């Protein structure tokens, strides 16, 4: 039974629409898993966080020094 109501026009190609749907679902699952980091997304380690905190503190100190000695 063809989906468009005309026998013979698209009856031979009925499998294309489900195939396109499965491909699109696979792409969307891949994008969602990559976005949430389930498939090897890079997460920050505690070393990265502590390094960033140290860098922020040194930048704050530099700003304080520049505020004291504006030359």
N, C-alpha and C. Protein backbone atom coordinates (compact mmCIF):
# COMPACT_ATOMS: atom_id res chain seq x y z
N UNK A 1 0.85 -1.19 0.00
CA UNK A 1 0.00 0.00 0.00
C UNK A 1 0.89 1.25 0.00
N UNK A 2 0.83 2.01 -1.06
CA UNK A 2 1.68 3.21 -1.13
C UNK A 2 1.17 4.31 -0.21
N UNK A 3 2.08 5.17 0.22
CA UNK A 3 1.74 6.21 1.17
C UNK A 3 1.06 7.41 0.52
N UNK A 4 1.23 7.60 -0.80
CA UNK A 4 0.66 8.79 -1.43
C UNK A 4 -0.69 8.53 -2.09
N UNK A 5 -1.16 7.30 -2.16
CA UNK A 5 -2.47 7.02 -2.70
C UNK A 5 -2.48 6.64 -4.17
N UNK A 6 -1.38 6.79 -4.88
CA UNK A 6 -1.32 6.41 -6.29
C UNK A 6 -0.47 5.16 -6.41
N UNK A 7 -1.06 4.10 -6.88
CA UNK A 7 -0.34 2.84 -7.00
C UNK A 7 0.66 2.92 -8.15
N UNK A 8 1.90 2.54 -7.88
CA UNK A 8 2.90 2.47 -8.93
C UNK A 8 3.80 3.69 -9.03
N UNK A 9 3.43 4.83 -8.47
CA UNK A 9 4.28 6.01 -8.63
C UNK A 9 5.42 6.01 -7.62
N UNK A 10 5.13 5.67 -6.36
CA UNK A 10 6.20 5.67 -5.35
C UNK A 10 6.26 4.36 -4.60
N UNK A 11 5.59 3.32 -5.05
CA UNK A 11 5.57 2.05 -4.34
C UNK A 11 6.94 1.40 -4.30
N UNK A 12 7.77 1.65 -5.29
CA UNK A 12 9.09 1.04 -5.33
C UNK A 12 10.07 1.74 -4.39
N UNK A 13 9.74 2.93 -3.96
CA UNK A 13 10.66 3.71 -3.13
C UNK A 13 10.13 3.93 -1.72
N UNK A 14 9.33 3.03 -1.19
CA UNK A 14 8.73 3.20 0.13
C UNK A 14 9.77 3.16 1.24
N UNK A 15 10.90 2.54 1.01
CA UNK A 15 11.91 2.35 2.04
C UNK A 15 12.80 3.58 2.24
N UNK A 16 12.72 4.55 1.34
CA UNK A 16 13.60 5.73 1.42
C UNK A 16 13.23 6.61 2.62
N UNK A 17 11.95 6.86 2.85
CA UNK A 17 11.56 7.75 3.95
C UNK A 17 11.95 7.19 5.32
N UNK A 18 11.71 5.92 5.62
CA UNK A 18 12.20 5.41 6.91
C UNK A 18 13.72 5.46 7.02
N UNK A 19 14.41 5.22 5.91
CA UNK A 19 15.87 5.28 5.94
C UNK A 19 16.34 6.70 6.25
N UNK A 20 15.75 7.69 5.63
CA UNK A 20 16.09 9.08 5.92
C UNK A 20 15.78 9.41 7.37
N UNK A 21 14.66 8.91 7.89
CA UNK A 21 14.31 9.15 9.29
C UNK A 21 15.32 8.55 10.24
N UNK A 22 15.75 7.31 9.97
CA UNK A 22 16.74 6.67 10.83
C UNK A 22 18.08 7.39 10.79
N UNK A 23 18.47 7.86 9.61
CA UNK A 23 19.72 8.60 9.50
C UNK A 23 19.64 9.90 10.29
N UNK A 24 18.54 10.62 10.17
CA UNK A 24 18.40 11.87 10.92
C UNK A 24 18.36 11.61 12.43
N UNK A 25 17.70 10.55 12.86
CA UNK A 25 17.68 10.23 14.29
C UNK A 25 19.08 9.89 14.78
N UNK A 26 19.83 9.16 13.98
CA UNK A 26 21.20 8.84 14.37
C UNK A 26 22.07 10.08 14.49
N UNK A 27 21.90 11.00 13.56
CA UNK A 27 22.66 12.26 13.62
C UNK A 27 22.28 13.05 14.87
N UNK A 28 20.98 13.11 15.19
CA UNK A 28 20.55 13.86 16.36
C UNK A 28 21.04 13.22 17.66
N UNK A 29 21.03 11.89 17.74
CA UNK A 29 21.58 11.21 18.92
C UNK A 29 23.06 11.51 19.07
N UNK A 30 23.79 11.47 17.97
CA UNK A 30 25.21 11.76 18.02
C UNK A 30 25.47 13.18 18.50
N UNK A 31 24.71 14.15 17.97
CA UNK A 31 24.88 15.55 18.37
C UNK A 31 24.54 15.74 19.85
N UNK A 32 23.47 15.10 20.31
CA UNK A 32 23.07 15.23 21.73
C UNK A 32 24.11 14.61 22.65
N UNK A 33 24.62 13.42 22.31
CA UNK A 33 25.62 12.79 23.16
C UNK A 33 26.91 13.60 23.18
N UNK A 34 27.29 14.16 22.05
CA UNK A 34 28.50 14.99 22.02
C UNK A 34 28.30 16.27 22.83
N UNK A 35 27.11 16.84 22.76
CA UNK A 35 26.84 18.07 23.50
C UNK A 35 26.86 17.88 25.00
N UNK A 36 26.42 16.70 25.47
CA UNK A 36 26.42 16.44 26.90
C UNK A 36 27.71 15.80 27.38
N UNK A 37 28.64 15.52 26.48
CA UNK A 37 29.92 14.98 26.87
C UNK A 37 29.91 13.49 27.14
N UNK A 38 28.93 12.75 26.68
CA UNK A 38 28.87 11.31 26.94
C UNK A 38 29.82 10.53 26.05
N UNK A 39 30.19 11.08 24.91
CA UNK A 39 31.03 10.33 23.98
C UNK A 39 32.42 10.97 23.84
N UNK A 40 33.11 11.13 24.95
CA UNK A 40 34.49 11.61 24.88
C UNK A 40 34.61 13.11 24.90
N UNK A 41 33.62 13.81 25.39
CA UNK A 41 33.76 15.24 25.53
C UNK A 41 34.81 15.57 26.58
N UNK A 42 35.58 16.63 26.37
CA UNK A 42 36.67 16.96 27.29
C UNK A 42 36.10 17.64 28.51
N UNK A 43 36.38 17.06 29.65
CA UNK A 43 35.97 17.65 30.92
C UNK A 43 37.19 18.25 31.60
N UNK A 44 36.96 19.30 32.35
CA UNK A 44 38.06 19.94 33.05
C UNK A 44 38.44 19.13 34.28
N UNK A 45 39.71 18.98 34.48
CA UNK A 45 40.18 18.28 35.66
C UNK A 45 40.43 19.27 36.77
N UNK A 46 40.67 18.77 37.96
CA UNK A 46 40.90 19.67 39.09
C UNK A 46 42.17 20.48 38.88
N UNK A 47 43.15 19.92 38.17
CA UNK A 47 44.37 20.65 37.87
C UNK A 47 44.10 21.86 36.99
N UNK A 48 43.21 21.70 36.02
CA UNK A 48 42.84 22.81 35.15
C UNK A 48 42.15 23.91 35.95
N UNK A 49 41.26 23.51 36.83
CA UNK A 49 40.50 24.49 37.61
C UNK A 49 41.42 25.24 38.56
N UNK A 50 42.30 24.52 39.24
CA UNK A 50 43.21 25.20 40.17
C UNK A 50 44.17 26.11 39.41
N UNK A 51 44.61 25.69 38.24
CA UNK A 51 45.47 26.55 37.43
C UNK A 51 44.76 27.83 37.00
N UNK A 52 43.51 27.71 36.63
CA UNK A 52 42.74 28.90 36.25
C UNK A 52 42.51 29.82 37.45
N UNK A 53 42.27 29.22 38.62
CA UNK A 53 42.08 30.04 39.82
C UNK A 53 43.36 30.80 40.16
N UNK A 54 44.52 30.15 40.04
CA UNK A 54 45.79 30.83 40.28
C UNK A 54 45.99 31.96 39.29
N UNK A 55 45.66 31.72 38.04
CA UNK A 55 45.83 32.76 37.03
C UNK A 55 44.92 33.95 37.30
N UNK A 56 43.70 33.70 37.73
CA UNK A 56 42.78 34.79 38.07
C UNK A 56 43.32 35.59 39.24
N UNK A 57 43.87 34.92 40.25
CA UNK A 57 44.43 35.64 41.40
C UNK A 57 45.62 36.49 41.00
N UNK A 58 46.50 35.97 40.12
CA UNK A 58 47.64 36.79 39.69
C UNK A 58 47.17 37.99 38.87
N UNK A 59 46.14 37.81 38.07
CA UNK A 59 45.61 38.94 37.32
C UNK A 59 44.99 39.98 38.24
N UNK A 60 44.31 39.54 39.29
CA UNK A 60 43.75 40.48 40.27
C UNK A 60 44.86 41.25 40.96
N UNK A 61 45.95 40.55 41.32
CA UNK A 61 47.09 41.23 41.94
C UNK A 61 47.70 42.25 40.99
N UNK A 62 47.82 41.90 39.72
CA UNK A 62 48.36 42.85 38.75
C UNK A 62 47.47 44.07 38.61
N UNK A 63 46.17 43.88 38.64
CA UNK A 63 45.24 45.02 38.56
C UNK A 63 45.37 45.89 39.80
N UNK A 64 45.48 45.28 40.96
CA UNK A 64 45.66 46.07 42.20
C UNK A 64 46.95 46.89 42.15
N UNK A 65 48.05 46.28 41.66
CA UNK A 65 49.32 47.01 41.55
C UNK A 65 49.18 48.18 40.58
N UNK A 66 48.51 47.97 39.48
CA UNK A 66 48.32 49.05 38.51
C UNK A 66 47.43 50.16 39.07
N UNK A 67 46.48 49.81 39.92
CA UNK A 67 45.61 50.83 40.52
C UNK A 67 46.41 51.68 41.51
N UNK A 68 47.38 51.08 42.20
CA UNK A 68 48.21 51.82 43.18
C UNK A 68 49.23 52.71 42.47
N UNK A 69 49.86 52.19 41.43
CA UNK A 69 50.91 52.93 40.72
C UNK A 69 50.48 53.22 39.28
N UNK A 70 49.67 54.19 39.06
CA UNK A 70 49.26 54.49 37.67
C UNK A 70 50.33 55.27 36.91
N UNK A 71 51.31 54.58 36.38
CA UNK A 71 52.36 55.29 35.65
C UNK A 71 52.63 54.71 34.31
